[in-house]
Protein backbone atom coordinates (compact mmCIF):
# COMPACT_ATOMS: atom_id res chain seq x y z
CA MET A 1 -19.38 -8.07 8.21
CA THR A 2 -19.74 -11.06 5.83
CA PRO A 3 -20.65 -14.63 6.92
CA ILE A 4 -18.97 -17.68 5.49
CA PRO A 5 -21.06 -20.43 3.96
CA LEU A 6 -19.47 -23.82 4.61
CA MET A 7 -15.73 -23.43 4.65
CA LEU A 8 -13.72 -21.26 6.99
CA LEU A 9 -11.83 -18.66 5.03
CA THR A 10 -9.11 -16.65 6.66
CA TYR A 11 -7.60 -13.40 5.65
CA TYR A 12 -4.49 -11.58 6.65
CA LEU A 13 -4.39 -7.84 6.55
CA LEU A 14 -1.19 -5.91 7.08
CA PHE A 15 -0.95 -2.26 7.94
CA SER A 16 2.15 -0.16 8.17
CA GLY A 17 3.39 1.09 11.49
CA LYS A 18 4.29 4.71 12.12
CA LYS A 19 7.72 3.91 13.55
CA ALA A 20 10.35 1.63 12.05
CA THR A 21 12.49 -0.23 14.54
CA ARG A 22 15.25 -0.57 11.99
CA ARG A 23 15.35 0.54 8.41
CA ASN A 24 15.85 -1.71 5.42
CA ASP A 25 17.43 0.43 2.71
CA THR A 26 16.55 -2.00 -0.08
CA HIS A 27 13.78 0.23 -1.42
CA LYS A 28 15.10 3.63 -0.37
CA GLY A 29 16.81 5.97 -2.76
CA ARG A 30 20.13 7.63 -2.06
CA HIS A 31 19.68 11.14 -0.77
CA ALA A 32 21.95 13.94 -1.94
CA MET A 33 24.48 15.39 0.44
CA SER A 34 23.43 18.49 2.40
CA GLY A 35 25.90 20.71 0.49
CA ASN A 36 24.39 19.72 -2.84
CA ASN A 37 21.66 21.89 -4.41
CA ASN A 38 19.98 18.79 -5.88
CA VAL A 39 18.51 17.65 -2.56
CA LYS A 40 15.59 15.33 -3.28
CA PRO A 41 12.55 15.55 -1.01
CA GLU A 42 11.90 12.65 1.36
CA CYS A 43 8.41 11.46 0.55
CA PRO A 44 5.99 10.37 3.29
CA SER A 45 4.58 6.85 3.53
CA ASN A 46 2.49 5.73 0.56
CA PHE A 47 4.19 8.25 -1.75
CA HIS A 48 7.13 7.83 -4.11
CA LEU A 49 9.45 10.17 -5.98
CA VAL A 50 8.65 11.02 -9.61
CA ASP A 51 10.72 13.71 -11.35
CA GLY A 52 11.67 15.22 -8.00
CA THR A 53 8.07 15.36 -6.76
CA CYS A 54 6.31 13.14 -4.21
CA VAL A 55 3.41 11.31 -5.86
CA ARG A 56 0.92 8.96 -4.17
CA CYS A 57 1.51 5.25 -4.84
CA PRO A 58 -0.97 3.71 -7.29
CA ARG A 59 -3.82 1.57 -5.92
CA GLY A 60 -2.51 -1.84 -4.89
CA GLN A 61 0.95 -0.53 -4.01
CA PHE A 62 2.63 0.93 -0.93
CA SER A 63 5.81 2.60 0.27
CA PHE A 64 7.33 3.77 3.53
CA GLN A 65 8.68 7.21 4.35
CA GLY A 66 11.80 8.03 2.35
CA TRP A 67 11.35 5.38 -0.33
CA VAL A 68 11.66 6.44 -3.97
CA ALA A 69 9.54 3.59 -5.34
CA CYS A 70 6.35 1.73 -4.48
CA LEU A 71 5.92 -2.04 -4.05
CA GLN A 72 2.91 -4.20 -4.83
CA TRP A 73 0.77 -5.14 -1.84
CA LEU A 74 2.13 -8.29 -0.22
CA ASP A 75 0.38 -11.50 -1.28
CA CYS A 76 -0.26 -14.71 0.70
CA ALA A 77 3.12 -16.27 -0.09
CA THR A 78 5.05 -13.11 0.81
CA VAL A 79 3.10 -12.65 4.04
CA ALA A 80 3.78 -16.26 5.06
CA ARG A 81 7.48 -15.99 4.18
CA ASP A 82 8.44 -12.48 5.29
CA VAL A 83 6.11 -11.35 8.07
CA ARG A 84 7.04 -12.39 11.60
CA ILE A 85 4.50 -12.07 14.39
CA ARG A 86 5.97 -10.64 17.60
CA ARG A 87 3.03 -10.53 19.99
CA ARG A 88 -0.74 -10.27 20.18
CA ILE A 89 -1.99 -6.72 20.78
CA GLY A 90 -5.73 -7.25 20.33
CA ILE A 91 -7.97 -10.20 21.05
CA PRO A 92 -11.59 -10.88 20.19
CA GLY A 93 -13.77 -9.57 22.97
CA HIS A 94 -15.99 -6.73 24.02
CA LEU A 95 -14.62 -4.10 21.60
CA ASN A 96 -13.36 -6.42 18.87
CA ALA A 97 -15.34 -9.59 18.29
CA VAL A 98 -14.25 -10.35 14.75
CA LYS A 99 -10.46 -10.31 14.49
CA GLU A 100 -7.17 -11.00 16.21
CA VAL A 101 -4.53 -8.28 15.98
CA TYR A 102 -0.76 -8.75 16.30
CA LEU A 103 2.33 -6.57 16.28
CA ALA A 104 4.57 -7.99 13.56
CA ASP A 105 7.74 -7.24 11.63
CA TRP A 106 8.24 -7.03 7.87
CA HIS A 107 11.87 -6.44 6.80
CA GLY A 108 12.57 -4.33 9.89
CA TYR A 109 9.35 -2.31 9.78
CA ASP A 110 6.67 -2.50 12.46
CA VAL A 111 3.39 -3.67 10.93
CA VAL A 112 0.01 -4.70 12.29
CA TYR A 113 -1.08 -8.21 11.35
CA SER A 114 -4.79 -8.92 11.58
CA ARG A 115 -6.84 -12.04 10.90
CA CYS A 116 -10.40 -13.24 11.37
CA ALA A 117 -11.02 -14.71 14.81
CA SER A 118 -13.62 -17.32 13.92
CA ASP A 119 -16.01 -18.47 11.24
CA MET A 120 -18.92 -17.13 13.32
CA TYR A 121 -17.97 -13.53 12.51
CA TYR A 122 -16.26 -14.13 9.20
CA GLU A 123 -18.71 -12.04 7.15
CA ASP A 124 -18.23 -9.05 9.46
CA CYS A 125 -14.48 -9.50 9.37
CA LEU A 126 -14.39 -9.72 5.57
CA HIS A 127 -16.61 -6.65 5.25
CA GLY A 128 -14.25 -4.63 7.45
CA MET A 129 -11.28 -5.77 5.41
CA LYS A 130 -12.95 -4.79 2.14
CA MET A 131 -13.78 -1.37 3.59
CA VAL A 132 -10.11 -0.78 4.52
CA GLU A 133 -9.07 -1.92 1.05
CA GLY A 134 -11.65 0.29 -0.65
CA LEU A 135 -10.75 3.38 1.37
CA GLN A 136 -7.01 3.24 0.62
CA GLY A 137 -5.57 6.61 -0.30
CA ASN A 138 -7.57 8.47 2.34
CA GLU A 139 -5.25 10.12 4.83
CA PHE A 140 -7.50 9.01 7.72
CA VAL A 141 -7.36 5.30 6.84
CA VAL A 142 -4.49 3.08 7.91
CA GLN A 143 -2.05 2.22 5.09
CA LEU A 144 -2.54 -1.27 3.69
CA ILE A 145 0.67 -3.10 2.73
CA GLY A 146 -0.68 -6.59 2.08
CA ILE A 147 -3.79 -8.69 1.98
CA CYS A 148 -4.40 -12.41 1.74
CA TYR A 149 -7.64 -14.29 1.18
CA SER A 150 -7.10 -17.97 1.95
CA GLU A 151 -9.34 -21.00 2.17
CA ASN A 152 -6.79 -22.75 4.38
CA PRO A 153 -7.36 -21.77 8.04
CA GLU A 154 -3.96 -23.24 8.96
CA VAL A 155 -1.94 -20.67 6.97
CA LYS A 156 -0.02 -18.61 9.52
CA CYS A 157 2.87 -16.19 9.40
CA GLY A 158 6.24 -17.04 10.88
């Protein structure tokens, strides 16, 4: 993807997981009781509730299933503070030479945490990240919940 000139730049890319291990109700709305005729729909991931209708989150924002509002993509500080890596699920190698992939947790939600493996493949890694960012909103592209471009290769989550 894109090479790096002199300084190693790292990036962190977070994607939402399909299954939440535990739910954080901070961003969820209260649903009406089943006997009530004003039952609000539960919106899918990357959608929020507007006037009783599910609407896609604006570019640069995300949500999880059942939320009534969208949040801004996580930035470097939020990733470093709130994302906890659990275990590595992908290593650079035959099928993936440019990035390391981890299963992580953000406020009780499973997320995928990805970062460039080395400066040798940094340009390729950066290109892939920009493609994921540019293709957000497509139902066939993984949902982005945060992105961090950093010049400090020592910045790590958790």
